[in-house]
Amino acid sequence: MITRMKMLTFSMIILAAFVGGAVVALLLHAPHHRELAVGANGQKVIYHCPMHPNYLSDKPGSCPICGMKLVPVNKAEAGEEAGTVKIDPTVVQNIGVTTETVTIRDLNRDIRASTTIELNETAISNVNTKVMGWVDKLYIDYTGQRVKKGQPLFTIYSPDLVSTQEEYLQALQYEKNLIGGSPEAGKGALEIVESSKRRLLNWDIPETEIDAVAKSGVPQKTMTIYSPADGVVLEKMVVTGQNVMPGMELYKIADLSTVWAVANVYEEDLPFIKLGSGAEIEVTSATGKTFAGKVDFISPVLDSTTKTAAVRIGIRNTTEYLLKPSMFATIKISLPLAVKTLSVSEKAILHTGKRNVVILALGGGYFKPQDVKLGMSANGYVQVLSGLTEGQIIVTSSQFMIDAESNLSQAVGQMVGKERPADTEEMDSTHR
């Protein structure tokens, strides 16, 4: 009696090795001591629930868990092709199996990051004077005004400017008086004229105004300071009547025709980004509208805390300056990784240790696991180097259930394909 009990225990351990730990708990309460049903081909049949594959029974009936009709899982019902499993079409629909066709496509890696619109630092101009004086009149008198290059900003009265103009006029008169004289005297007079004019030019007085003084013969009380560039007045630090000193900053003008978007990109994405890489920018305040730009700077320094590096994209602004500094934006940099390559959805891949497996849908309710070798991945797709061909159909959802079904069918088929020892059958008859 003790020997027969040991043999029964050993048989159950072998059964657990085939169908998994979860199956053993159900088998302890299943009617497995009754004689197994025999199929038309003489092979013993075991049944299980399509929705709960771990439940096994030696006779047809209904699942005690969900009430679903039990179906046979022996190798004869698994299809003629080795390694395949057959599942009733109703079950396939119930477990939500979806498929896709293996196709050839371009793989692009999309890098996204949040950022803000910033000023183009290379297009900012500071306006100041090189002489001491007093502001006589303002033409641009508030921030935010648009200005054009050469447009008057303000006029300044400076005693130094007036005296230098007078010197210039005297030098012109002296040169004129020496016409017909000795060449040496004429050369000396010309040098005085050029020296006086050069002082005015060095003070940023336009040559057109200097010529106007020479033509009129009268020094101008005030001189006009002009905008050095197109742009928008960001700051105005001057008022009418103010005394200004050389080098004092009076206006800050920024050219907004181009702006920057600077994003912090993680180090694993940095090797894929190159100078000139195209980018799309979408500002939060203009949802659905995108702007094109190109990477024009990649920081050579990595932030030690965030493990990111600054990547700058230059963007051409609209004539209405829709892109404004400090706006929130999202950038997307699309980088081509592989052109015309065989690829599948990443959700179709079963990662089983060192193996990568997909489930082939063979039609008619037949499915088959297939090993694949993978390459690069991008945007939810992964490159397939071997194992599949274009046009095959693969499962993209519920493949874990199908894979479990395949493994279970194989295990149960092996189990019922072997004859039980005579003493085990005798033990069963003793316990009926």
Protein backbone atom coordinates (compact mmCIF):
# COMPACT_ATOMS: atom_id res chain seq x y z
CA MET A 1 0.00 0.00 0.00
CA ILE A 2 2.84 2.41 0.86
CA THR A 3 4.58 1.61 -2.44
CA ARG A 4 1.42 2.36 -4.44
CA MET A 5 0.99 5.69 -2.63
CA LYS A 6 4.58 6.67 -3.47
CA MET A 7 3.99 5.80 -7.12
CA LEU A 8 0.84 7.96 -7.17
CA THR A 9 2.75 10.89 -5.68
CA PHE A 10 5.54 10.49 -8.23
CA SER A 11 2.99 10.47 -11.09
CA MET A 12 1.48 13.72 -9.88
CA ILE A 13 4.94 15.38 -9.71
CA ILE A 14 5.55 14.45 -13.36
CA LEU A 15 2.14 15.88 -14.28
CA ALA A 16 2.96 19.17 -12.53
CA ALA A 17 6.22 19.46 -14.48
CA PHE A 18 4.28 19.31 -17.76
CA VAL A 19 1.41 21.71 -17.11
CA GLY A 20 2.85 24.16 -14.55
CA GLY A 21 2.23 24.99 -10.93
CA ALA A 22 -1.10 26.67 -11.58
CA VAL A 23 -2.47 23.49 -13.24
CA VAL A 24 -1.54 21.24 -10.33
CA ALA A 25 -3.95 22.97 -7.95
CA LEU A 26 -6.85 22.29 -10.32
CA LEU A 27 -5.77 18.77 -11.13
CA LEU A 28 -5.87 17.84 -7.44
CA HIS A 29 -9.65 18.32 -7.61
CA ALA A 30 -10.20 17.19 -11.21
CA PRO A 31 -11.60 13.71 -12.01
CA HIS A 32 -8.28 12.45 -13.31
CA HIS A 33 -8.67 8.94 -11.80
CA ARG A 34 -11.37 8.03 -14.33
CA GLU A 35 -10.42 6.34 -17.56
CA LEU A 36 -9.39 8.89 -20.22
CA ALA A 37 -11.67 9.36 -23.25
CA VAL A 38 -10.33 8.00 -26.52
CA GLY A 39 -10.54 9.91 -29.83
CA ALA A 40 -11.42 8.51 -33.23
CA ASN A 41 -7.76 7.85 -33.95
CA GLY A 42 -7.35 5.88 -30.73
CA GLN A 43 -5.43 8.66 -28.96
CA LYS A 44 -6.41 9.56 -25.42
CA VAL A 45 -8.11 12.98 -25.13
CA ILE A 46 -7.82 15.65 -22.47
CA TYR A 47 -10.04 18.74 -22.35
CA HIS A 48 -9.48 22.25 -21.06
CA CYS A 49 -11.21 25.61 -20.89
CA PRO A 50 -10.28 28.05 -23.71
CA MET A 51 -10.52 30.97 -21.30
CA HIS A 52 -8.74 29.15 -18.44
CA PRO A 53 -6.22 26.85 -20.17
CA ASN A 54 -4.78 25.65 -16.86
CA TYR A 55 -8.01 23.78 -16.05
CA LEU A 56 -7.83 20.18 -17.36
CA SER A 57 -10.40 17.40 -17.43
CA ASP A 58 -10.47 13.87 -18.79
CA LYS A 59 -14.03 14.25 -20.10
CA PRO A 60 -16.01 16.87 -22.04
CA GLY A 61 -18.19 19.30 -20.16
CA SER A 62 -18.17 22.89 -18.92
CA CYS A 63 -15.52 24.93 -17.13
CA PRO A 64 -16.31 25.17 -13.39
CA ILE A 65 -14.81 28.67 -13.38
CA CYS A 66 -16.60 30.42 -16.25
CA GLY A 67 -19.03 27.80 -17.57
CA MET A 68 -17.46 27.76 -21.03
CA LYS A 69 -17.51 24.53 -23.05
CA LEU A 70 -14.35 22.47 -22.68
CA VAL A 71 -12.37 21.67 -25.83
CA PRO A 72 -9.79 18.94 -26.57
CA VAL A 73 -6.14 19.91 -26.45
CA ASN A 74 -4.38 16.72 -27.54
CA LYS A 75 -1.87 16.84 -30.39
CA ALA A 76 -4.38 15.48 -32.87
CA GLU A 77 -6.47 18.62 -32.39
CA ALA A 78 -3.46 20.95 -32.65
CA GLY A 79 -3.08 20.77 -36.45
CA GLU A 80 -0.85 18.77 -38.72
CA GLU A 81 2.03 21.22 -38.80
CA ALA A 82 4.54 20.77 -35.99
CA GLY A 83 4.51 23.48 -33.35
CA THR A 84 1.09 24.88 -34.29
CA VAL A 85 -1.97 25.20 -32.10
CA LYS A 86 -5.60 25.36 -33.19
CA ILE A 87 -8.04 27.61 -31.35
CA ASP A 88 -11.76 27.78 -31.98
CA PRO A 89 -12.65 30.99 -33.93
CA THR A 90 -15.16 31.93 -31.22
CA VAL A 91 -12.41 31.76 -28.63
CA VAL A 92 -10.11 33.84 -30.84
CA GLN A 93 -12.78 36.53 -30.97
CA ASN A 94 -13.49 36.33 -27.23
CA ILE A 95 -9.88 36.83 -26.18
CA GLY A 96 -9.52 39.80 -28.54
CA VAL A 97 -6.84 38.56 -30.92
CA THR A 98 -5.66 41.24 -33.36
CA THR A 99 -3.18 40.83 -36.20
CA GLU A 100 -1.05 42.83 -38.60
CA THR A 101 0.78 42.18 -41.85
CA VAL A 102 4.57 42.13 -41.83
CA THR A 103 5.60 45.04 -44.07
CA ILE A 104 8.63 46.99 -45.23
CA ARG A 105 8.82 50.56 -43.94
CA ASP A 106 11.23 53.36 -43.07
CA LEU A 107 12.21 53.48 -39.40
CA ASN A 108 12.60 56.93 -37.89
CA ARG A 109 13.58 57.70 -34.33
CA ASP A 110 11.53 60.60 -32.94
CA ILE A 111 13.05 62.59 -30.09
CA ARG A 112 10.61 64.85 -28.23
CA ALA A 113 11.32 67.45 -25.59
CA SER A 114 9.64 70.41 -23.96
CA THR A 115 11.24 73.81 -24.24
CA THR A 116 10.58 77.56 -24.41
CA ILE A 117 11.11 80.00 -27.24
CA GLU A 118 14.18 82.16 -26.68
CA LEU A 119 15.77 85.21 -28.27
CA ASN A 120 18.37 84.72 -30.93
CA GLU A 121 21.36 86.00 -28.97
CA THR A 122 23.28 86.77 -32.13
CA ALA A 123 20.58 89.19 -33.28
CA ILE A 124 20.48 91.55 -30.27
CA SER A 125 21.81 95.11 -30.60
CA ASN A 126 22.61 97.58 -27.82
CA VAL A 127 22.38 101.29 -28.69
CA ASN A 128 24.64 103.76 -26.91
CA THR A 129 26.63 106.87 -27.69
CA LYS A 130 30.35 107.55 -27.75
CA VAL A 131 30.07 111.15 -26.72
CA MET A 132 28.70 112.97 -23.73
CA GLY A 133 25.55 115.01 -24.31
CA TRP A 134 21.85 115.54 -23.66
CA VAL A 135 18.90 113.84 -25.34
CA ASP A 136 17.06 116.50 -27.30
CA LYS A 137 14.24 114.45 -28.89
CA LEU A 138 13.01 110.84 -28.84
CA TYR A 139 11.58 109.27 -31.99
CA ILE A 140 11.19 105.81 -30.43
CA ASP A 141 9.73 106.35 -27.01
CA TYR A 142 8.32 103.02 -25.76
CA THR A 143 9.27 99.36 -25.65
CA GLY A 144 7.75 96.92 -28.08
CA GLN A 145 8.01 99.29 -31.04
CA ARG A 146 9.24 97.82 -34.30
CA VAL A 147 12.14 99.60 -35.91
CA LYS A 148 13.98 99.33 -39.20
CA LYS A 149 17.70 99.57 -39.74
CA GLY A 150 18.60 103.26 -40.25
CA GLN A 151 15.40 104.54 -38.61
CA PRO A 152 15.94 107.59 -36.28
CA LEU A 153 15.89 106.73 -32.58
CA PHE A 154 16.74 110.08 -30.91
CA THR A 155 18.73 113.29 -31.32
CA ILE A 156 21.50 114.37 -29.01
CA TYR A 157 23.08 117.74 -28.26
CA SER A 158 26.79 117.48 -27.49
CA PRO A 159 29.24 120.36 -27.18
CA ASP A 160 32.00 118.01 -28.35
CA LEU A 161 30.06 117.23 -31.52
CA VAL A 162 29.47 120.92 -32.23
CA SER A 163 33.13 121.81 -31.73
CA THR A 164 34.30 118.92 -33.89
CA GLN A 165 31.95 120.03 -36.67
CA GLU A 166 33.37 123.52 -36.46
CA GLU A 167 36.90 122.11 -36.72
CA TYR A 168 35.81 120.11 -39.74
CA LEU A 169 34.35 123.18 -41.45
CA GLN A 170 37.47 125.22 -40.72
CA ALA A 171 39.65 122.47 -42.19
CA LEU A 172 37.51 122.46 -45.34
CA GLN A 173 37.83 126.23 -45.63
CA TYR A 174 41.58 126.08 -45.08
CA GLU A 175 41.89 123.43 -47.80
CA LYS A 176 39.86 125.57 -50.13
CA ASN A 177 42.06 128.61 -49.51
CA LEU A 178 45.17 126.64 -50.39
CA ILE A 179 43.94 125.66 -53.82
CA GLY A 180 46.68 126.60 -56.26
CA GLY A 181 49.30 126.73 -53.50
CA SER A 182 52.21 124.41 -52.86
CA PRO A 183 51.56 120.66 -52.92
CA GLU A 184 52.95 120.27 -49.41
CA ALA A 185 50.50 122.81 -47.95
CA GLY A 186 47.59 121.22 -49.82
CA LYS A 187 48.53 117.79 -48.51
CA GLY A 188 48.66 119.10 -44.92
CA ALA A 189 45.24 120.75 -45.27
CA LEU A 190 43.72 117.51 -46.63
CA GLU A 191 45.06 115.55 -43.65
CA ILE A 192 43.37 118.00 -41.26
CA VAL A 193 40.06 117.59 -43.11
CA GLU A 194 40.29 113.80 -43.03
CA SER A 195 41.22 113.79 -39.33
CA SER A 196 38.20 115.95 -38.39
CA LYS A 197 35.85 113.85 -40.48
CA ARG A 198 37.26 110.63 -39.01
CA ARG A 199 36.49 111.85 -35.47
CA LEU A 200 32.84 112.37 -36.44
CA LEU A 201 32.65 108.94 -38.08
CA ASN A 202 34.16 107.30 -35.00
CA TRP A 203 31.31 108.82 -32.98
CA ASP A 204 28.87 106.95 -35.24
CA ILE A 205 27.75 110.09 -37.07
CA PRO A 206 26.48 108.97 -40.51
CA GLU A 207 28.54 110.16 -43.42
CA THR A 208 25.40 111.58 -45.02
CA GLU A 209 25.02 114.00 -42.09
CA ILE A 210 28.69 114.92 -42.22
CA ASP A 211 28.30 115.72 -45.93
CA ALA A 212 25.21 117.79 -45.14
CA VAL A 213 27.23 119.89 -42.66
CA ALA A 214 29.96 120.40 -45.26
CA LYS A 215 27.40 121.47 -47.83
CA SER A 216 25.59 123.91 -45.55
CA GLY A 217 28.74 125.27 -43.94
CA VAL A 218 26.89 125.44 -40.61
CA PRO A 219 27.45 123.01 -37.68
CA GLN A 220 24.36 121.16 -36.53
CA LYS A 221 23.29 121.76 -32.93
CA THR A 222 22.05 118.19 -32.57
CA MET A 223 22.94 114.96 -34.24
CA THR A 224 20.60 112.01 -34.91
CA ILE A 225 21.30 108.46 -33.69
CA TYR A 226 19.84 105.70 -35.90
CA SER A 227 18.81 102.07 -35.32
CA PRO A 228 21.63 99.66 -36.17
CA ALA A 229 19.26 96.81 -37.15
CA ASP A 230 15.71 95.72 -37.84
CA GLY A 231 13.87 94.48 -34.80
CA VAL A 232 11.76 95.21 -31.77
CA VAL A 233 12.67 97.49 -28.87
CA LEU A 234 13.03 95.21 -25.86
CA GLU A 235 14.29 97.87 -23.48
CA LYS A 236 14.35 101.68 -23.49
CA MET A 237 16.53 103.31 -20.83
CA VAL A 238 16.41 106.93 -21.99
CA VAL A 239 14.05 109.91 -21.71
CA THR A 240 13.98 113.38 -23.24
CA GLY A 241 16.48 115.79 -21.64
CA GLN A 242 18.52 113.01 -20.06
CA ASN A 243 22.24 113.49 -19.77
CA VAL A 244 24.00 110.56 -21.39
CA MET A 245 27.58 109.46 -21.05
CA PRO A 246 29.77 107.51 -23.47
CA GLY A 247 28.97 103.78 -23.36
CA MET A 248 25.65 104.19 -21.53
CA GLU A 249 23.10 101.65 -22.81
CA LEU A 250 20.04 103.48 -24.12
CA TYR A 251 18.10 100.88 -26.16
CA LYS A 252 18.12 97.11 -26.57
CA ILE A 253 16.81 95.99 -29.95
CA ALA A 254 16.23 92.35 -30.90
CA ASP A 255 15.69 90.97 -34.35
CA LEU A 256 12.82 88.47 -33.94
CA SER A 257 12.82 87.24 -37.52
CA THR A 258 14.60 84.17 -36.16
CA VAL A 259 14.25 82.69 -32.67
CA TRP A 260 15.70 79.74 -30.79
CA ALA A 261 14.22 76.67 -29.13
CA VAL A 262 16.69 75.11 -26.72
CA ALA A 263 15.81 71.63 -25.45
CA ASN A 264 17.53 69.33 -22.98
CA VAL A 265 18.08 65.98 -24.68
CA TYR A 266 18.99 62.78 -22.81
CA GLU A 267 22.42 61.32 -23.42
CA GLU A 268 21.11 58.12 -25.05
CA ASP A 269 19.50 60.21 -27.79
CA LEU A 270 22.43 62.57 -28.37
CA PRO A 271 24.46 60.25 -30.69
CA PHE A 272 21.61 60.29 -33.22
CA ILE A 273 21.38 64.10 -33.47
CA LYS A 274 23.59 65.96 -35.93
CA LEU A 275 24.03 69.59 -36.87
CA GLY A 276 21.48 70.33 -39.54
CA SER A 277 18.99 67.69 -38.35
CA GLY A 278 15.47 68.83 -39.12
CA ALA A 279 13.00 69.53 -36.32
CA GLU A 280 9.34 70.44 -35.86
CA ILE A 281 8.24 72.91 -33.22
CA GLU A 282 4.72 73.24 -31.87
CA VAL A 283 3.92 76.08 -29.46
CA THR A 284 1.33 75.48 -26.77
CA SER A 285 -0.64 78.60 -27.67
CA ALA A 286 -0.96 77.55 -31.33
CA THR A 287 -2.03 73.91 -31.08
CA GLY A 288 -1.90 72.13 -34.40
CA LYS A 289 0.43 74.66 -36.03
CA THR A 290 4.02 73.56 -36.48
CA PHE A 291 7.17 75.41 -37.45
CA ALA A 292 10.22 73.97 -39.15
CA GLY A 293 13.74 74.42 -37.85
CA LYS A 294 17.21 72.90 -37.88
CA VAL A 295 19.66 71.94 -35.18
CA ASP A 296 22.42 74.57 -35.20
CA PHE A 297 24.13 73.85 -31.88
CA ILE A 298 24.74 70.82 -29.64
CA SER A 299 26.27 71.53 -26.27
CA PRO A 300 29.61 69.80 -25.73
CA VAL A 301 28.87 69.63 -21.98
CA LEU A 302 26.51 67.15 -20.30
CA ASP A 303 24.57 68.24 -17.22
CA SER A 304 25.81 66.00 -14.39
CA THR A 305 22.45 66.05 -12.59
CA THR A 306 19.93 65.52 -15.39
CA LYS A 307 22.28 63.70 -17.79
CA THR A 308 21.07 65.92 -20.61
CA ALA A 309 22.73 68.30 -23.05
CA ALA A 310 21.30 71.46 -24.60
CA VAL A 311 20.31 71.16 -28.25
CA ARG A 312 19.40 74.41 -30.02
CA ILE A 313 17.07 74.71 -32.98
CA GLY A 314 16.95 77.87 -35.07
CA ILE A 315 13.45 78.78 -36.29
CA ARG A 316 12.29 81.31 -38.89
CA ASN A 317 9.55 83.45 -37.33
CA THR A 318 6.44 84.71 -39.08
CA THR A 319 6.10 88.33 -40.21
CA GLU A 320 3.60 88.79 -37.38
CA TYR A 321 6.13 87.41 -34.88
CA LEU A 322 3.83 84.59 -33.82
CA LEU A 323 6.74 82.94 -32.02
CA LYS A 324 7.39 85.07 -28.98
CA PRO A 325 10.19 84.66 -26.43
CA SER A 326 9.20 82.69 -23.29
CA MET A 327 6.41 80.77 -25.08
CA PHE A 328 6.17 77.10 -24.12
CA ALA A 329 6.82 74.73 -27.01
CA THR A 330 7.42 71.08 -27.88
CA ILE A 331 10.10 70.01 -30.33
CA LYS A 332 10.27 66.80 -32.33
CA ILE A 333 13.45 65.75 -34.06
CA SER A 334 12.92 62.93 -36.57
CA LEU A 335 16.03 60.92 -37.31
CA PRO A 336 16.12 58.25 -40.05
CA LEU A 337 17.53 54.96 -38.72
CA ALA A 338 16.77 52.48 -41.48
CA VAL A 339 15.27 52.83 -44.95
CA LYS A 340 12.97 50.19 -46.51
CA THR A 341 13.44 47.59 -43.81
CA LEU A 342 11.26 44.69 -42.66
CA SER A 343 9.63 45.63 -39.37
CA VAL A 344 6.75 44.78 -37.06
CA SER A 345 4.96 46.39 -34.15
CA GLU A 346 6.86 46.11 -30.87
CA LYS A 347 3.71 44.85 -29.14
CA ALA A 348 3.84 41.74 -31.34
CA ILE A 349 7.11 40.59 -29.75
CA LEU A 350 7.22 38.07 -26.91
CA HIS A 351 10.50 38.41 -25.01
CA THR A 352 11.32 35.04 -23.44
CA GLY A 353 14.78 35.27 -21.94
CA LYS A 354 17.31 35.15 -24.77
CA ARG A 355 14.62 34.48 -27.39
CA ASN A 356 12.30 36.86 -29.19
CA VAL A 357 9.11 35.23 -30.47
CA VAL A 358 6.14 36.27 -32.58
CA ILE A 359 2.92 34.32 -33.10
CA LEU A 360 2.14 33.59 -36.75
CA ALA A 361 -1.55 33.55 -37.70
CA LEU A 362 -1.78 30.73 -40.25
CA GLY A 363 -5.52 31.02 -40.86
CA GLY A 364 -8.37 28.68 -39.99
CA GLY A 365 -7.71 29.14 -36.27
CA TYR A 366 -4.12 27.85 -36.49
CA PHE A 367 -1.27 29.71 -34.82
CA LYS A 368 2.44 29.03 -34.56
CA PRO A 369 5.26 30.58 -32.47
CA GLN A 370 8.18 31.83 -34.55
CA ASP A 371 11.65 32.89 -33.35
CA VAL A 372 12.88 36.19 -34.79
CA LYS A 373 16.11 38.16 -34.70
CA LEU A 374 15.57 41.86 -34.05
CA GLY A 375 17.47 45.03 -34.91
CA MET A 376 16.78 48.69 -34.20
CA SER A 377 13.48 49.97 -32.81
CA ALA A 378 11.74 53.31 -33.31
CA ASN A 379 8.29 54.79 -32.83
CA GLY A 380 6.68 51.55 -31.71
CA TYR A 381 8.20 49.39 -34.48
CA VAL A 382 11.20 47.07 -34.46
CA GLN A 383 13.41 45.91 -37.30
CA VAL A 384 13.28 42.18 -38.10
CA LEU A 385 16.62 40.84 -39.31
CA SER A 386 15.51 37.23 -39.74
CA GLY A 387 12.61 34.87 -39.01
CA LEU A 388 9.84 36.60 -41.00
CA THR A 389 9.07 37.56 -44.57
CA GLU A 390 6.97 40.35 -46.01
CA GLY A 391 3.24 39.58 -46.14
CA GLN A 392 3.07 37.14 -43.23
CA ILE A 393 0.33 37.71 -40.65
CA ILE A 394 1.32 37.99 -36.99
CA VAL A 395 -0.62 38.41 -33.76
CA THR A 396 -0.35 41.79 -32.01
CA SER A 397 -2.55 41.15 -28.95
CA SER A 398 -3.43 38.20 -26.70
CA GLN A 399 -0.34 36.41 -28.00
CA PHE A 400 0.60 35.48 -24.42
CA MET A 401 -2.61 33.43 -24.17
CA ILE A 402 -1.92 31.77 -27.52
CA ASP A 403 1.66 31.03 -26.51
CA ALA A 404 0.44 29.54 -23.24
CA GLU A 405 -2.10 27.49 -25.22
CA SER A 406 0.67 26.20 -27.49
CA ASN A 407 2.92 25.21 -24.61
CA LEU A 408 0.02 23.59 -22.74
CA SER A 409 -1.05 21.60 -25.79
CA GLN A 410 2.46 20.31 -26.23
CA ALA A 411 2.78 19.33 -22.56
CA VAL A 412 -0.60 17.64 -22.39
CA GLY A 413 0.01 15.85 -25.69
CA GLN A 414 3.21 14.43 -24.33
CA MET A 415 1.45 13.44 -21.15
CA VAL A 416 -1.50 11.59 -22.71
CA GLY A 417 0.64 10.07 -25.46
CA LYS A 418 2.37 7.82 -22.97
CA GLU A 419 0.75 4.64 -21.62
CA ARG A 420 0.40 4.60 -17.87
CA PRO A 421 2.05 1.69 -16.00
CA ALA A 422 -0.23 -1.26 -15.22
CA ASP A 423 0.24 -0.94 -11.47
CA THR A 424 -0.86 2.71 -11.64
CA GLU A 425 -4.06 1.67 -13.44
CA GLU A 426 -4.57 -1.00 -10.80
CA MET A 427 -4.15 1.67 -8.15
CA ASP A 428 -6.82 3.75 -9.86
CA SER A 429 -9.27 0.84 -9.89
CA THR A 430 -8.67 0.36 -6.19
CA HIS A 431 -9.74 3.95 -5.48
CA ARG A 432 -12.85 4.00 -7.68
